[in-house]
Amino acid sequence: MCDVRVENEGSIIVFEAQNEDALRVMDETLATEGWQWMGRYRLCVDHRMAAGVAQVLLNEGLEVE
């Protein structure tokens, strides 16, 4: 099972933490605003930023799918 599941919603990309460790890494390593979070586990970012976000998560050792 992956740590972070990615969904392409068009101009918005959703990164959904699949476990508490992934959520902790996302909270600690990504500079986000409260309005980007849909619920506790789903981070929404502009499609132009998605590759950078994914790379940060991969660099932190998370499996991104």
C-alpha atoms as a PDB file:
ATOM      1  CA  MET A   1       0.000   0.000   0.000  1.00  0.00           C
ATOM      2  CA  CYS A   2       1.263   3.472  -0.833  1.00  0.00           C
ATOM      3  CA  ASP A   3       1.744   6.254   1.697  1.00  0.00           C
ATOM      4  CA  VAL A   4       0.201   9.046  -0.381  1.00  0.00           C
ATOM      5  CA  ARG A   5      -2.393   8.609  -3.099  1.00  0.00           C
ATOM      6  CA  VAL A   6      -2.576  11.283  -5.815  1.00  0.00           C
ATOM      7  CA  GLU A   7      -5.755  12.233  -7.656  1.00  0.00           C
ATOM      8  CA  ASN A   8      -5.822  14.526 -10.689  1.00  0.00           C
ATOM      9  CA  GLU A   9      -8.929  16.709 -10.498  1.00  0.00           C
ATOM     10  CA  GLY A  10      -7.977  18.931 -13.453  1.00  0.00           C
ATOM     11  CA  SER A  11      -6.408  22.170 -12.278  1.00  0.00           C
ATOM     12  CA  ILE A  12      -6.249  20.827  -8.704  1.00  0.00           C
ATOM     13  CA  ILE A  13      -4.187  17.829  -7.621  1.00  0.00           C
ATOM     14  CA  VAL A  14      -5.158  16.068  -4.392  1.00  0.00           C
ATOM     15  CA  PHE A  15      -2.539  14.367  -2.228  1.00  0.00           C
ATOM     16  CA  GLU A  16      -4.254  12.033   0.243  1.00  0.00           C
ATOM     17  CA  ALA A  17      -2.254  10.641   3.166  1.00  0.00           C
ATOM     18  CA  GLN A  18      -2.967   6.939   3.616  1.00  0.00           C
ATOM     19  CA  ASN A  19      -1.493   6.658   7.095  1.00  0.00           C
ATOM     20  CA  GLU A  20      -0.496   8.772  10.095  1.00  0.00           C
ATOM     21  CA  ASP A  21       3.222   8.730   9.202  1.00  0.00           C
ATOM     22  CA  ALA A  22       2.496  10.195   5.772  1.00  0.00           C
ATOM     23  CA  LEU A  23       0.283  12.853   7.339  1.00  0.00           C
ATOM     24  CA  ARG A  24       3.025  13.770   9.813  1.00  0.00           C
ATOM     25  CA  VAL A  25       5.600  14.124   7.006  1.00  0.00           C
ATOM     26  CA  MET A  26       3.193  16.242   4.957  1.00  0.00           C
ATOM     27  CA  ASP A  27       2.500  18.493   7.961  1.00  0.00           C
ATOM     28  CA  GLU A  28       6.187  18.884   8.841  1.00  0.00           C
ATOM     29  CA  THR A  29       7.765  19.285   5.400  1.00  0.00           C
ATOM     30  CA  LEU A  30       5.238  21.113   3.215  1.00  0.00           C
ATOM     31  CA  ALA A  31       4.427  24.798   3.572  1.00  0.00           C
ATOM     32  CA  THR A  32       0.635  24.774   3.324  1.00  0.00           C
ATOM     33  CA  GLU A  33      -2.310  26.975   4.221  1.00  0.00           C
ATOM     34  CA  GLY A  34      -5.343  25.761   6.124  1.00  0.00           C
ATOM     35  CA  TRP A  35      -7.654  26.312   3.157  1.00  0.00           C
ATOM     36  CA  GLN A  36      -5.652  23.770   1.093  1.00  0.00           C
ATOM     37  CA  TRP A  37      -6.745  20.909   3.345  1.00  0.00           C
ATOM     38  CA  MET A  38     -10.021  19.166   2.640  1.00  0.00           C
ATOM     39  CA  GLY A  39     -10.575  17.307   5.867  1.00  0.00           C
ATOM     40  CA  ARG A  40      -7.583  15.989   7.735  1.00  0.00           C
ATOM     41  CA  TYR A  41      -5.896  13.811   5.105  1.00  0.00           C
ATOM     42  CA  ARG A  42      -6.463  15.506   1.711  1.00  0.00           C
ATOM     43  CA  LEU A  43      -4.124  18.301   0.581  1.00  0.00           C
ATOM     44  CA  CYS A  44      -5.171  20.185  -2.553  1.00  0.00           C
ATOM     45  CA  VAL A  45      -2.549  21.971  -4.646  1.00  0.00           C
ATOM     46  CA  ASP A  46      -2.465  23.777  -7.967  1.00  0.00           C
ATOM     47  CA  HIS A  47      -1.445  21.447 -10.776  1.00  0.00           C
ATOM     48  CA  ARG A  48       1.662  23.568 -11.453  1.00  0.00           C
ATOM     49  CA  MET A  49       2.981  22.785  -7.946  1.00  0.00           C
ATOM     50  CA  ALA A  50       2.124  19.084  -7.900  1.00  0.00           C
ATOM     51  CA  ALA A  51       5.407  17.745  -9.298  1.00  0.00           C
ATOM     52  CA  GLY A  52       7.369  19.670  -6.670  1.00  0.00           C
ATOM     53  CA  VAL A  53       5.131  18.446  -3.858  1.00  0.00           C
ATOM     54  CA  ALA A  54       5.444  14.856  -5.070  1.00  0.00           C
ATOM     55  CA  GLN A  55       9.238  15.174  -5.231  1.00  0.00           C
ATOM     56  CA  VAL A  56       9.423  16.469  -1.649  1.00  0.00           C
ATOM     57  CA  LEU A  57       7.334  13.542  -0.445  1.00  0.00           C
ATOM     58  CA  LEU A  58       9.482  11.060  -2.367  1.00  0.00           C
ATOM     59  CA  ASN A  59      12.657  12.648  -0.948  1.00  0.00           C
ATOM     60  CA  GLU A  60      11.189  12.108   2.530  1.00  0.00           C
ATOM     61  CA  GLY A  61      10.930   8.394   1.805  1.00  0.00           C
ATOM     62  CA  LEU A  62       7.196   8.177   1.190  1.00  0.00           C
ATOM     63  CA  GLU A  63       5.694   5.988  -1.519  1.00  0.00           C
ATOM     64  CA  VAL A  64       3.562   8.208  -3.755  1.00  0.00           C
ATOM     65  CA  GLU A  65       1.064   6.665  -6.157  1.00  0.00           C
END
